[in-house]
Amino acid sequence: MASLSTHVLDTAQGCPAQGLTLTLYRVQGEQRVELGRYTTNADGRVDGGLFKQDDTELGEYEVVFEAGAYLRASGGSDRYLTQVPIRFSIYDQTHYHVPLLLSSFGYSTYRGS
């Protein structure tokens, strides 16, 4: 079974991005099927991970981070980033980690461990 986690860090403030909302989708052709909505905890993570089913389907997924709402709620005044979509492939039954390093004017991601 594959597993999926995320960790969001606010690089402008130098802390975890607590209270950031994100949505996980499975991508099927041109369609996106919503699998769940989550909110990050005090450590910028989602408790229990993002997959809820026992057998994860291989294929394409997308996590959409609600960056604008988080940045406004945390005191930022810029409205440049609204959402950060990250599309990726689950190609074997191992652990996948999709971290997000976020600030008001940019973001970065990589395949974590």
N, C-alpha and C. Protein backbone atom coordinates (compact mmCIF):
# COMPACT_ATOMS: atom_id res chain seq x y z
N MET A 1 0.84 -1.18 0.00
CA MET A 1 0.00 0.00 0.00
C MET A 1 0.88 1.24 0.00
N ALA A 2 0.58 2.18 -0.87
CA ALA A 2 1.29 3.46 -0.89
C ALA A 2 0.73 4.34 0.22
N SER A 3 1.56 5.24 0.71
CA SER A 3 1.11 6.22 1.68
C SER A 3 1.56 7.59 1.20
N LEU A 4 0.87 8.62 1.68
CA LEU A 4 1.14 9.98 1.22
C LEU A 4 1.08 10.93 2.40
N SER A 5 2.10 11.77 2.52
CA SER A 5 2.14 12.77 3.58
C SER A 5 2.59 14.10 2.98
N THR A 6 2.42 15.14 3.77
CA THR A 6 2.88 16.47 3.37
C THR A 6 3.38 17.21 4.60
N HIS A 7 4.17 18.23 4.37
CA HIS A 7 4.68 19.10 5.43
C HIS A 7 4.81 20.48 4.82
N VAL A 8 4.13 21.46 5.38
CA VAL A 8 4.15 22.81 4.84
C VAL A 8 4.88 23.72 5.81
N LEU A 9 5.90 24.39 5.31
CA LEU A 9 6.67 25.33 6.11
C LEU A 9 6.53 26.73 5.54
N ASP A 10 6.30 27.69 6.41
CA ASP A 10 6.22 29.10 6.04
C ASP A 10 7.64 29.65 6.12
N THR A 11 8.29 29.77 4.98
CA THR A 11 9.69 30.18 4.97
C THR A 11 9.88 31.66 5.26
N ALA A 12 8.85 32.47 5.07
CA ALA A 12 8.94 33.90 5.39
C ALA A 12 8.96 34.12 6.90
N GLN A 13 8.15 33.33 7.62
CA GLN A 13 8.08 33.49 9.07
C GLN A 13 8.97 32.50 9.82
N GLY A 14 9.50 31.51 9.08
CA GLY A 14 10.39 30.53 9.69
C GLY A 14 9.68 29.59 10.65
N CYS A 15 8.49 29.13 10.25
CA CYS A 15 7.72 28.24 11.13
C CYS A 15 6.83 27.32 10.30
N PRO A 16 6.28 26.29 10.93
CA PRO A 16 5.31 25.45 10.22
C PRO A 16 4.07 26.26 9.85
N ALA A 17 3.44 25.89 8.75
CA ALA A 17 2.23 26.58 8.28
C ALA A 17 1.01 25.92 8.91
N GLN A 18 0.70 26.31 10.12
CA GLN A 18 -0.44 25.75 10.85
C GLN A 18 -1.75 26.32 10.31
N GLY A 19 -2.74 25.46 10.12
CA GLY A 19 -4.07 25.90 9.70
C GLY A 19 -4.23 26.09 8.20
N LEU A 20 -3.30 25.59 7.40
CA LEU A 20 -3.41 25.70 5.95
C LEU A 20 -4.31 24.58 5.43
N THR A 21 -5.29 24.93 4.63
CA THR A 21 -6.22 23.95 4.06
C THR A 21 -5.68 23.44 2.74
N LEU A 22 -5.87 22.14 2.49
CA LEU A 22 -5.45 21.55 1.22
C LEU A 22 -6.44 20.48 0.81
N THR A 23 -6.48 20.22 -0.49
CA THR A 23 -7.39 19.22 -1.04
C THR A 23 -6.59 18.25 -1.89
N LEU A 24 -6.87 16.95 -1.73
CA LEU A 24 -6.23 15.91 -2.51
C LEU A 24 -7.20 15.44 -3.59
N TYR A 25 -6.70 15.33 -4.82
CA TYR A 25 -7.48 14.84 -5.96
C TYR A 25 -6.76 13.68 -6.62
N ARG A 26 -7.53 12.76 -7.18
CA ARG A 26 -7.00 11.77 -8.11
C ARG A 26 -7.33 12.30 -9.49
N VAL A 27 -6.35 12.33 -10.38
CA VAL A 27 -6.53 12.86 -11.73
C VAL A 27 -6.81 11.69 -12.66
N GLN A 28 -7.94 11.77 -13.36
CA GLN A 28 -8.34 10.73 -14.31
C GLN A 28 -8.63 11.41 -15.63
N GLY A 29 -7.64 11.41 -16.53
CA GLY A 29 -7.78 12.12 -17.79
C GLY A 29 -7.86 13.62 -17.54
N GLU A 30 -8.94 14.23 -17.97
CA GLU A 30 -9.15 15.66 -17.75
C GLU A 30 -9.95 15.94 -16.48
N GLN A 31 -10.38 14.88 -15.80
CA GLN A 31 -11.20 15.02 -14.60
C GLN A 31 -10.35 14.92 -13.34
N ARG A 32 -10.79 15.62 -12.30
CA ARG A 32 -10.20 15.48 -10.97
C ARG A 32 -11.30 14.97 -10.03
N VAL A 33 -10.98 13.93 -9.27
CA VAL A 33 -11.91 13.38 -8.30
C VAL A 33 -11.39 13.71 -6.91
N GLU A 34 -12.17 14.44 -6.14
CA GLU A 34 -11.74 14.83 -4.81
C GLU A 34 -11.71 13.63 -3.88
N LEU A 35 -10.57 13.44 -3.19
CA LEU A 35 -10.42 12.34 -2.25
C LEU A 35 -10.48 12.79 -0.80
N GLY A 36 -10.24 14.07 -0.55
CA GLY A 36 -10.29 14.56 0.83
C GLY A 36 -9.80 15.98 0.97
N ARG A 37 -10.31 16.64 2.01
CA ARG A 37 -9.87 17.98 2.39
C ARG A 37 -9.26 17.88 3.78
N TYR A 38 -8.18 18.62 3.97
CA TYR A 38 -7.41 18.51 5.20
C TYR A 38 -6.95 19.90 5.65
N THR A 39 -6.56 19.99 6.91
CA THR A 39 -5.99 21.21 7.47
C THR A 39 -4.72 20.82 8.22
N THR A 40 -3.66 21.58 8.02
CA THR A 40 -2.39 21.26 8.68
C THR A 40 -2.46 21.54 10.17
N ASN A 41 -1.73 20.73 10.93
CA ASN A 41 -1.67 20.86 12.38
C ASN A 41 -0.58 21.87 12.78
N ALA A 42 -0.28 21.94 14.06
CA ALA A 42 0.71 22.90 14.58
C ALA A 42 2.11 22.69 14.01
N ASP A 43 2.37 21.48 13.51
CA ASP A 43 3.67 21.18 12.91
C ASP A 43 3.66 21.34 11.39
N GLY A 44 2.54 21.81 10.82
CA GLY A 44 2.43 21.97 9.37
C GLY A 44 2.19 20.67 8.63
N ARG A 45 1.73 19.64 9.34
CA ARG A 45 1.47 18.32 8.75
C ARG A 45 -0.01 17.97 8.86
N VAL A 46 -0.42 16.95 8.13
CA VAL A 46 -1.79 16.43 8.22
C VAL A 46 -1.74 15.17 9.08
N ASP A 47 -2.46 15.18 10.18
CA ASP A 47 -2.50 14.00 11.06
C ASP A 47 -3.03 12.79 10.30
N GLY A 48 -2.31 11.68 10.37
CA GLY A 48 -2.76 10.44 9.75
C GLY A 48 -2.49 10.32 8.26
N GLY A 49 -1.89 11.31 7.65
CA GLY A 49 -1.59 11.24 6.22
C GLY A 49 -2.78 11.59 5.35
N LEU A 50 -2.59 11.49 4.04
CA LEU A 50 -3.61 11.93 3.09
C LEU A 50 -4.43 10.82 2.48
N PHE A 51 -3.94 9.59 2.48
CA PHE A 51 -4.73 8.49 1.92
C PHE A 51 -5.53 7.83 3.02
N LYS A 52 -6.79 7.53 2.72
CA LYS A 52 -7.65 6.88 3.70
C LYS A 52 -7.98 5.44 3.32
N GLN A 53 -7.82 5.07 2.06
CA GLN A 53 -8.17 3.73 1.64
C GLN A 53 -7.00 2.77 1.85
N ASP A 54 -7.32 1.48 1.93
CA ASP A 54 -6.28 0.47 2.16
C ASP A 54 -5.40 0.25 0.94
N ASP A 55 -6.00 0.21 -0.23
CA ASP A 55 -5.24 -0.03 -1.45
C ASP A 55 -5.24 1.23 -2.30
N THR A 56 -4.08 1.81 -2.42
CA THR A 56 -3.94 3.03 -3.19
C THR A 56 -3.78 2.70 -4.66
N GLU A 57 -4.54 3.38 -5.48
CA GLU A 57 -4.40 3.18 -6.92
C GLU A 57 -3.16 3.91 -7.41
N LEU A 58 -2.43 3.25 -8.30
CA LEU A 58 -1.31 3.92 -8.94
C LEU A 58 -1.88 4.92 -9.93
N GLY A 59 -1.16 6.00 -10.17
CA GLY A 59 -1.64 6.98 -11.13
C GLY A 59 -1.28 8.39 -10.73
N GLU A 60 -2.01 9.33 -11.30
CA GLU A 60 -1.71 10.75 -11.12
C GLU A 60 -2.61 11.36 -10.05
N TYR A 61 -2.00 12.21 -9.23
CA TYR A 61 -2.70 12.88 -8.13
C TYR A 61 -2.34 14.36 -8.13
N GLU A 62 -3.13 15.13 -7.43
CA GLU A 62 -2.86 16.56 -7.27
C GLU A 62 -3.25 17.00 -5.87
N VAL A 63 -2.38 17.76 -5.24
CA VAL A 63 -2.70 18.40 -3.97
C VAL A 63 -2.78 19.89 -4.26
N VAL A 64 -3.87 20.52 -3.85
CA VAL A 64 -4.04 21.96 -4.02
C VAL A 64 -4.00 22.60 -2.64
N PHE A 65 -2.98 23.40 -2.41
CA PHE A 65 -2.78 24.10 -1.14
C PHE A 65 -3.43 25.48 -1.23
N GLU A 66 -4.25 25.84 -0.25
CA GLU A 66 -4.93 27.14 -0.22
C GLU A 66 -3.98 28.18 0.39
N ALA A 67 -2.98 28.55 -0.40
CA ALA A 67 -1.91 29.43 0.07
C ALA A 67 -2.41 30.83 0.41
N GLY A 68 -3.26 31.40 -0.42
CA GLY A 68 -3.73 32.76 -0.20
C GLY A 68 -4.47 32.92 1.10
N ALA A 69 -5.38 32.02 1.40
CA ALA A 69 -6.14 32.09 2.65
C ALA A 69 -5.20 31.96 3.85
N TYR A 70 -4.24 31.04 3.77
CA TYR A 70 -3.28 30.88 4.86
C TYR A 70 -2.44 32.15 5.04
N LEU A 71 -1.91 32.68 3.95
CA LEU A 71 -1.04 33.86 4.04
C LEU A 71 -1.78 35.06 4.60
N ARG A 72 -3.02 35.26 4.18
CA ARG A 72 -3.82 36.37 4.74
C ARG A 72 -4.09 36.16 6.23
N ALA A 73 -4.44 34.94 6.60
CA ALA A 73 -4.74 34.64 8.00
C ALA A 73 -3.52 34.77 8.90
N SER A 74 -2.34 34.57 8.33
CA SER A 74 -1.11 34.66 9.13
C SER A 74 -0.49 36.04 9.11
N GLY A 75 -1.23 37.03 8.62
CA GLY A 75 -0.77 38.42 8.69
C GLY A 75 -0.18 38.97 7.42
N GLY A 76 -0.11 38.18 6.37
CA GLY A 76 0.43 38.69 5.11
C GLY A 76 -0.56 39.60 4.40
N SER A 77 -0.06 40.57 3.70
CA SER A 77 -0.95 41.50 3.01
C SER A 77 -0.93 41.30 1.50
N ASP A 78 0.02 40.53 1.01
CA ASP A 78 0.12 40.33 -0.43
C ASP A 78 -0.91 39.32 -0.90
N ARG A 79 -1.43 39.50 -2.11
CA ARG A 79 -2.42 38.59 -2.67
C ARG A 79 -1.91 37.91 -3.94
N TYR A 80 -0.61 37.79 -4.08
CA TYR A 80 -0.03 37.20 -5.28
C TYR A 80 -0.40 35.73 -5.43
N LEU A 81 -0.10 34.91 -4.44
CA LEU A 81 -0.42 33.48 -4.50
C LEU A 81 -1.82 33.23 -3.94
N THR A 82 -2.63 32.49 -4.68
CA THR A 82 -3.95 32.11 -4.18
C THR A 82 -3.98 30.62 -3.87
N GLN A 83 -3.62 29.80 -4.84
CA GLN A 83 -3.54 28.36 -4.66
C GLN A 83 -2.22 27.85 -5.22
N VAL A 84 -1.72 26.78 -4.62
CA VAL A 84 -0.52 26.12 -5.12
C VAL A 84 -0.90 24.68 -5.45
N PRO A 85 -1.06 24.37 -6.74
CA PRO A 85 -1.36 22.98 -7.13
C PRO A 85 -0.06 22.23 -7.41
N ILE A 86 0.04 21.04 -6.86
CA ILE A 86 1.20 20.18 -7.13
C ILE A 86 0.67 18.85 -7.65
N ARG A 87 0.99 18.55 -8.91
CA ARG A 87 0.54 17.31 -9.55
C ARG A 87 1.72 16.36 -9.62
N PHE A 88 1.48 15.10 -9.27
CA PHE A 88 2.56 14.12 -9.19
C PHE A 88 1.99 12.73 -9.46
N SER A 89 2.88 11.78 -9.61
CA SER A 89 2.52 10.40 -9.94
C SER A 89 2.85 9.47 -8.79
N ILE A 90 1.92 8.59 -8.46
CA ILE A 90 2.17 7.48 -7.54
C ILE A 90 2.41 6.27 -8.44
N TYR A 91 3.64 5.79 -8.51
CA TYR A 91 3.98 4.75 -9.48
C TYR A 91 4.40 3.43 -8.84
N ASP A 92 4.43 3.36 -7.52
CA ASP A 92 4.63 2.08 -6.84
C ASP A 92 4.06 2.19 -5.43
N GLN A 93 3.95 1.08 -4.75
CA GLN A 93 3.29 1.04 -3.44
C GLN A 93 4.30 1.32 -2.31
N THR A 94 4.87 2.53 -2.32
CA THR A 94 5.79 2.95 -1.28
C THR A 94 5.26 4.25 -0.65
N HIS A 95 6.08 4.89 0.15
CA HIS A 95 5.68 6.15 0.78
C HIS A 95 6.06 7.33 -0.12
N TYR A 96 5.15 8.27 -0.24
CA TYR A 96 5.38 9.51 -0.98
C TYR A 96 5.18 10.67 -0.02
N HIS A 97 6.05 11.66 -0.14
CA HIS A 97 5.98 12.84 0.72
C HIS A 97 6.07 14.07 -0.18
N VAL A 98 5.07 14.95 -0.08
CA VAL A 98 5.01 16.15 -0.92
C VAL A 98 5.11 17.37 0.00
N PRO A 99 6.32 17.86 0.24
CA PRO A 99 6.48 19.03 1.10
C PRO A 99 6.27 20.32 0.30
N LEU A 100 5.91 21.37 1.00
CA LEU A 100 5.75 22.69 0.39
C LEU A 100 6.45 23.71 1.26
N LEU A 101 7.37 24.45 0.65
CA LEU A 101 8.03 25.58 1.30
C LEU A 101 7.37 26.83 0.72
N LEU A 102 6.72 27.61 1.57
CA LEU A 102 5.83 28.67 1.11
C LEU A 102 6.23 30.02 1.68
N SER A 103 6.15 31.05 0.83
CA SER A 103 6.25 32.44 1.28
C SER A 103 5.27 33.26 0.44
N SER A 104 5.17 34.54 0.72
CA SER A 104 4.19 35.38 0.02
C SER A 104 4.40 35.46 -1.48
N PHE A 105 5.63 35.37 -1.93
CA PHE A 105 5.91 35.58 -3.35
C PHE A 105 6.42 34.36 -4.09
N GLY A 106 6.45 33.20 -3.43
CA GLY A 106 6.94 32.03 -4.13
C GLY A 106 6.84 30.78 -3.27
N TYR A 107 7.12 29.65 -3.91
CA TYR A 107 7.08 28.37 -3.21
C TYR A 107 8.04 27.40 -3.89
N SER A 108 8.32 26.31 -3.18
CA SER A 108 9.19 25.26 -3.69
C SER A 108 8.67 23.92 -3.16
N THR A 109 8.91 22.88 -3.94
CA THR A 109 8.55 21.53 -3.52
C THR A 109 9.60 20.55 -4.04
N TYR A 110 9.55 19.34 -3.56
CA TYR A 110 10.46 18.29 -3.98
C TYR A 110 9.85 16.96 -3.52
N ARG A 111 10.40 15.84 -3.96
CA ARG A 111 9.92 14.58 -3.42
C ARG A 111 10.67 14.30 -2.14
N GLY A 112 9.97 14.37 -1.05
CA GLY A 112 10.57 14.16 0.26
C GLY A 112 10.61 12.69 0.61
N SER A 113 11.01 12.42 1.82
CA SER A 113 11.10 11.02 2.27
C SER A 113 10.21 10.79 3.48
